[in-house]
Amino acid sequence: MKDGLPPLDLPDHGVKTKHDAEGVRVFDPVRRQWVVLTPEEWVRQHFLNHLVHDLGCPLSLIAVESGLRYNRMDRRTDILVHDRQGRAVALVECKAPSVRISAATFEQAARYNTVHQVPWLIVTNGLRHFCCRVDHELRSTRFVQQLPDFATMCGS
């Protein structure tokens, strides 16, 4: 257990934390800044490292907490992976380890995907990870057992 947060079912690639006057912070390499360490942020940073170090996603093609407009309301996507042409190919919704992954969690990701139209949706709480392939033309969704690597996300 680090900084009061549980170990996750993700490889440990050395997520950087520090303590300062405002509490515990974690370094986000995408946003290039120290952010408040919450349970959800703990999952987000570990999953981000998993995308880069294990699944081959270039850090420069990942957006964290990017804004979107859904039903005239401002929302944020936890992690968005882009292909080399700049098209979004995967949307990752992160939850705190204490949050049970449910149909409602996937519905939230699917709502955000009406804006992004990505072929891959991933939902994780750091302990359990679920991934589905979305075919927008056929309006179908198929769950997959293994998280796709970057080449697979991009359709290669």
C-alpha atoms as a PDB file:
ATOM      1  CA  MET A   1       0.000   0.000   0.000  1.00  0.00           C
ATOM      2  CA  LYS A   2       1.495   3.347  -1.035  1.00  0.00           C
ATOM      3  CA  ASP A   3       0.275   6.679   0.341  1.00  0.00           C
ATOM      4  CA  GLY A   4      -2.742   4.865   1.760  1.00  0.00           C
ATOM      5  CA  LEU A   5      -3.805   3.506  -1.650  1.00  0.00           C
ATOM      6  CA  PRO A   6      -4.126  -0.198  -2.477  1.00  0.00           C
ATOM      7  CA  PRO A   7      -1.922  -2.111  -4.897  1.00  0.00           C
ATOM      8  CA  LEU A   8      -3.604  -2.426  -8.284  1.00  0.00           C
ATOM      9  CA  ASP A   9      -3.861  -5.205 -10.850  1.00  0.00           C
ATOM     10  CA  LEU A  10      -1.562  -3.214 -13.132  1.00  0.00           C
ATOM     11  CA  PRO A  11       2.215  -3.317 -13.536  1.00  0.00           C
ATOM     12  CA  ASP A  12       4.079  -0.853 -11.331  1.00  0.00           C
ATOM     13  CA  HIS A  13       6.120   1.386 -13.602  1.00  0.00           C
ATOM     14  CA  GLY A  14       7.144   3.754 -10.858  1.00  0.00           C
ATOM     15  CA  VAL A  15       4.292   6.244 -10.577  1.00  0.00           C
ATOM     16  CA  LYS A  16       5.933   9.285  -8.967  1.00  0.00           C
ATOM     17  CA  THR A  17       4.402  10.758  -5.824  1.00  0.00           C
ATOM     18  CA  LYS A  18       5.453  13.520  -3.454  1.00  0.00           C
ATOM     19  CA  HIS A  19       4.200  15.135  -0.288  1.00  0.00           C
ATOM     20  CA  ASP A  20       3.893  18.923  -0.117  1.00  0.00           C
ATOM     21  CA  ALA A  21       1.996  21.541   1.872  1.00  0.00           C
ATOM     22  CA  GLU A  22      -1.213  20.674  -0.008  1.00  0.00           C
ATOM     23  CA  GLY A  23      -0.964  16.921   0.590  1.00  0.00           C
ATOM     24  CA  VAL A  24       0.062  13.997  -1.583  1.00  0.00           C
ATOM     25  CA  ARG A  25       0.537  14.593  -5.295  1.00  0.00           C
ATOM     26  CA  VAL A  26       1.258  12.361  -8.260  1.00  0.00           C
ATOM     27  CA  PHE A  27       3.108  13.362 -11.421  1.00  0.00           C
ATOM     28  CA  ASP A  28       1.081  13.157 -14.628  1.00  0.00           C
ATOM     29  CA  PRO A  29       3.493  12.801 -17.572  1.00  0.00           C
ATOM     30  CA  VAL A  30       0.809  13.761 -20.110  1.00  0.00           C
ATOM     31  CA  ARG A  31      -0.240  16.986 -18.409  1.00  0.00           C
ATOM     32  CA  ARG A  32       3.374  17.465 -17.231  1.00  0.00           C
ATOM     33  CA  GLN A  33       2.322  18.535 -13.777  1.00  0.00           C
ATOM     34  CA  TRP A  34       1.816  17.326 -10.242  1.00  0.00           C
ATOM     35  CA  VAL A  35      -1.855  16.676  -9.466  1.00  0.00           C
ATOM     36  CA  VAL A  36      -3.704  15.816  -6.262  1.00  0.00           C
ATOM     37  CA  LEU A  37      -3.485  12.105  -5.564  1.00  0.00           C
ATOM     38  CA  THR A  38      -7.028  10.756  -5.297  1.00  0.00           C
ATOM     39  CA  PRO A  39      -7.955   7.065  -5.574  1.00  0.00           C
ATOM     40  CA  GLU A  40      -9.201   7.679  -9.145  1.00  0.00           C
ATOM     41  CA  GLU A  41      -5.994   9.519 -10.060  1.00  0.00           C
ATOM     42  CA  TRP A  42      -4.001   6.585  -8.666  1.00  0.00           C
ATOM     43  CA  VAL A  43      -5.806   4.303 -11.126  1.00  0.00           C
ATOM     44  CA  ARG A  44      -5.522   6.810 -13.992  1.00  0.00           C
ATOM     45  CA  GLN A  45      -1.744   7.176 -13.599  1.00  0.00           C
ATOM     46  CA  HIS A  46      -1.139   3.427 -13.338  1.00  0.00           C
ATOM     47  CA  PHE A  47      -3.325   2.741 -16.363  1.00  0.00           C
ATOM     48  CA  LEU A  48      -1.626   5.530 -18.300  1.00  0.00           C
ATOM     49  CA  ASN A  49       1.748   3.911 -17.587  1.00  0.00           C
ATOM     50  CA  HIS A  50       0.329   0.536 -18.650  1.00  0.00           C
ATOM     51  CA  LEU A  51      -0.779   2.029 -21.970  1.00  0.00           C
ATOM     52  CA  VAL A  52       2.664   3.499 -22.618  1.00  0.00           C
ATOM     53  CA  HIS A  53       5.012   0.842 -21.219  1.00  0.00           C
ATOM     54  CA  ASP A  54       3.071  -2.364 -21.921  1.00  0.00           C
ATOM     55  CA  LEU A  55       0.660  -1.615 -24.765  1.00  0.00           C
ATOM     56  CA  GLY A  56       2.974   0.594 -26.829  1.00  0.00           C
ATOM     57  CA  CYS A  57       0.884   3.775 -26.895  1.00  0.00           C
ATOM     58  CA  PRO A  58       3.085   6.829 -27.552  1.00  0.00           C
ATOM     59  CA  LEU A  59       2.770   9.296 -24.675  1.00  0.00           C
ATOM     60  CA  SER A  60       2.449  12.141 -27.190  1.00  0.00           C
ATOM     61  CA  LEU A  61      -0.739  10.567 -28.597  1.00  0.00           C
ATOM     62  CA  ILE A  62      -2.558  10.362 -25.262  1.00  0.00           C
ATOM     63  CA  ALA A  63      -4.824  13.034 -23.782  1.00  0.00           C
ATOM     64  CA  VAL A  64      -5.778  13.060 -20.092  1.00  0.00           C
ATOM     65  CA  GLU A  65      -8.961  14.693 -18.808  1.00  0.00           C
ATOM     66  CA  SER A  66      -9.702  16.246 -22.178  1.00  0.00           C
ATOM     67  CA  GLY A  67     -12.906  18.233 -22.331  1.00  0.00           C
ATOM     68  CA  LEU A  68     -16.003  17.283 -24.256  1.00  0.00           C
ATOM     69  CA  ARG A  69     -19.498  18.642 -24.527  1.00  0.00           C
ATOM     70  CA  TYR A  70     -22.341  16.186 -23.959  1.00  0.00           C
ATOM     71  CA  ASN A  71     -25.985  17.334 -23.806  1.00  0.00           C
ATOM     72  CA  ARG A  72     -24.845  20.949 -23.497  1.00  0.00           C
ATOM     73  CA  MET A  73     -22.809  20.044 -20.419  1.00  0.00           C
ATOM     74  CA  ASP A  74     -19.038  20.104 -20.058  1.00  0.00           C
ATOM     75  CA  ARG A  75     -17.532  16.723 -19.213  1.00  0.00           C
ATOM     76  CA  ARG A  76     -14.039  15.235 -19.204  1.00  0.00           C
ATOM     77  CA  THR A  77     -12.697  12.032 -20.682  1.00  0.00           C
ATOM     78  CA  ASP A  78     -10.206  10.321 -18.342  1.00  0.00           C
ATOM     79  CA  ILE A  79      -7.860   9.027 -21.046  1.00  0.00           C
ATOM     80  CA  LEU A  80      -8.138   9.299 -24.810  1.00  0.00           C
ATOM     81  CA  VAL A  81      -5.669   7.510 -27.097  1.00  0.00           C
ATOM     82  CA  HIS A  82      -5.140   8.847 -30.641  1.00  0.00           C
ATOM     83  CA  ASP A  83      -3.643   7.208 -33.709  1.00  0.00           C
ATOM     84  CA  ARG A  84      -0.739   8.772 -35.611  1.00  0.00           C
ATOM     85  CA  GLN A  85      -3.213  10.758 -37.759  1.00  0.00           C
ATOM     86  CA  GLY A  86      -4.722  12.341 -34.642  1.00  0.00           C
ATOM     87  CA  ARG A  87      -7.977  10.353 -34.656  1.00  0.00           C
ATOM     88  CA  ALA A  88      -9.224   9.136 -31.270  1.00  0.00           C
ATOM     89  CA  VAL A  89      -9.100   5.320 -31.161  1.00  0.00           C
ATOM     90  CA  ALA A  90      -9.612   4.398 -27.493  1.00  0.00           C
ATOM     91  CA  LEU A  91     -11.454   5.931 -24.574  1.00  0.00           C
ATOM     92  CA  VAL A  92     -10.542   4.860 -21.034  1.00  0.00           C
ATOM     93  CA  GLU A  93     -12.852   5.556 -18.116  1.00  0.00           C
ATOM     94  CA  CYS A  94     -11.106   5.232 -14.742  1.00  0.00           C
ATOM     95  CA  LYS A  95     -12.800   4.723 -11.410  1.00  0.00           C
ATOM     96  CA  ALA A  96     -11.436   4.477  -7.883  1.00  0.00           C
ATOM     97  CA  PRO A  97     -10.560   0.941  -6.727  1.00  0.00           C
ATOM     98  CA  SER A  98     -13.512   1.027  -4.323  1.00  0.00           C
ATOM     99  CA  VAL A  99     -15.981   1.656  -7.168  1.00  0.00           C
ATOM    100  CA  ARG A 100     -17.593  -1.467  -8.562  1.00  0.00           C
ATOM    101  CA  ILE A 101     -17.578  -1.604 -12.360  1.00  0.00           C
ATOM    102  CA  SER A 102     -21.200  -1.853 -13.469  1.00  0.00           C
ATOM    103  CA  ALA A 103     -23.414  -1.352 -16.486  1.00  0.00           C
ATOM    104  CA  ALA A 104     -23.806   2.294 -15.418  1.00  0.00           C
ATOM    105  CA  THR A 105     -20.036   2.749 -15.689  1.00  0.00           C
ATOM    106  CA  PHE A 106     -20.104   1.460 -19.255  1.00  0.00           C
ATOM    107  CA  GLU A 107     -23.107   3.635 -20.038  1.00  0.00           C
ATOM    108  CA  GLN A 108     -21.096   6.683 -18.979  1.00  0.00           C
ATOM    109  CA  ALA A 109     -18.238   5.681 -21.290  1.00  0.00           C
ATOM    110  CA  ALA A 110     -20.717   4.953 -24.106  1.00  0.00           C
ATOM    111  CA  ARG A 111     -22.303   8.406 -23.685  1.00  0.00           C
ATOM    112  CA  TYR A 112     -18.892  10.032 -23.995  1.00  0.00           C
ATOM    113  CA  ASN A 113     -18.265   7.863 -27.024  1.00  0.00           C
ATOM    114  CA  THR A 114     -21.234   9.391 -28.840  1.00  0.00           C
ATOM    115  CA  VAL A 115     -18.946  12.433 -29.054  1.00  0.00           C
ATOM    116  CA  HIS A 116     -15.591  10.718 -29.724  1.00  0.00           C
ATOM    117  CA  GLN A 117     -16.769   7.725 -31.815  1.00  0.00           C
ATOM    118  CA  VAL A 118     -13.782   5.537 -30.875  1.00  0.00           C
ATOM    119  CA  PRO A 119     -13.634   1.826 -31.721  1.00  0.00           C
ATOM    120  CA  TRP A 120     -12.278   0.812 -28.272  1.00  0.00           C
ATOM    121  CA  LEU A 121     -13.872   1.456 -24.866  1.00  0.00           C
ATOM    122  CA  ILE A 122     -12.008   0.502 -21.705  1.00  0.00           C
ATOM    123  CA  VAL A 123     -13.323   0.791 -18.156  1.00  0.00           C
ATOM    124  CA  THR A 124     -11.092   0.114 -15.162  1.00  0.00           C
ATOM    125  CA  ASN A 125     -10.995   0.539 -11.415  1.00  0.00           C
ATOM    126  CA  GLY A 126      -7.385  -0.620 -11.330  1.00  0.00           C
ATOM    127  CA  LEU A 127      -8.417  -4.027 -10.014  1.00  0.00           C
ATOM    128  CA  ARG A 128     -10.696  -5.099 -12.863  1.00  0.00           C
ATOM    129  CA  HIS A 129     -10.467  -4.001 -16.478  1.00  0.00           C
ATOM    130  CA  PHE A 130     -13.135  -4.387 -19.125  1.00  0.00           C
ATOM    131  CA  CYS A 131     -12.733  -3.651 -22.801  1.00  0.00           C
ATOM    132  CA  CYS A 132     -15.090  -3.716 -25.730  1.00  0.00           C
ATOM    133  CA  ARG A 133     -14.764  -3.213 -29.458  1.00  0.00           C
ATOM    134  CA  VAL A 134     -17.392  -0.860 -30.864  1.00  0.00           C
ATOM    135  CA  ASP A 135     -18.508  -1.079 -34.481  1.00  0.00           C
ATOM    136  CA  HIS A 136     -20.295   2.197 -35.122  1.00  0.00           C
ATOM    137  CA  GLU A 137     -21.525   1.197 -38.585  1.00  0.00           C
ATOM    138  CA  LEU A 138     -23.148  -2.022 -37.371  1.00  0.00           C
ATOM    139  CA  ARG A 139     -24.091  -0.455 -34.035  1.00  0.00           C
ATOM    140  CA  SER A 140     -22.613  -3.407 -32.184  1.00  0.00           C
ATOM    141  CA  THR A 141     -20.383  -3.860 -29.168  1.00  0.00           C
ATOM    142  CA  ARG A 142     -18.249  -6.927 -28.469  1.00  0.00           C
ATOM    143  CA  PHE A 143     -16.367  -7.479 -25.213  1.00  0.00           C
ATOM    144  CA  VAL A 144     -12.810  -8.750 -25.585  1.00  0.00           C
ATOM    145  CA  GLN A 145     -10.732 -10.703 -23.069  1.00  0.00           C
ATOM    146  CA  GLN A 146      -7.432  -8.908 -23.619  1.00  0.00           C
ATOM    147  CA  LEU A 147      -6.661  -5.201 -23.744  1.00  0.00           C
ATOM    148  CA  PRO A 148      -5.560  -4.222 -27.251  1.00  0.00           C
ATOM    149  CA  ASP A 149      -2.064  -2.903 -27.904  1.00  0.00           C
ATOM    150  CA  PHE A 150      -1.548   0.343 -29.796  1.00  0.00           C
ATOM    151  CA  ALA A 151      -1.310  -1.324 -33.222  1.00  0.00           C
ATOM    152  CA  THR A 152      -4.590  -3.165 -32.616  1.00  0.00           C
ATOM    153  CA  MET A 153      -6.260   0.027 -31.364  1.00  0.00           C
ATOM    154  CA  CYS A 154      -5.253   1.707 -34.610  1.00  0.00           C
ATOM    155  CA  GLY A 155      -6.561  -1.171 -36.724  1.00  0.00           C
ATOM    156  CA  SER A 156      -3.173  -2.567 -37.773  1.00  0.00           C
END
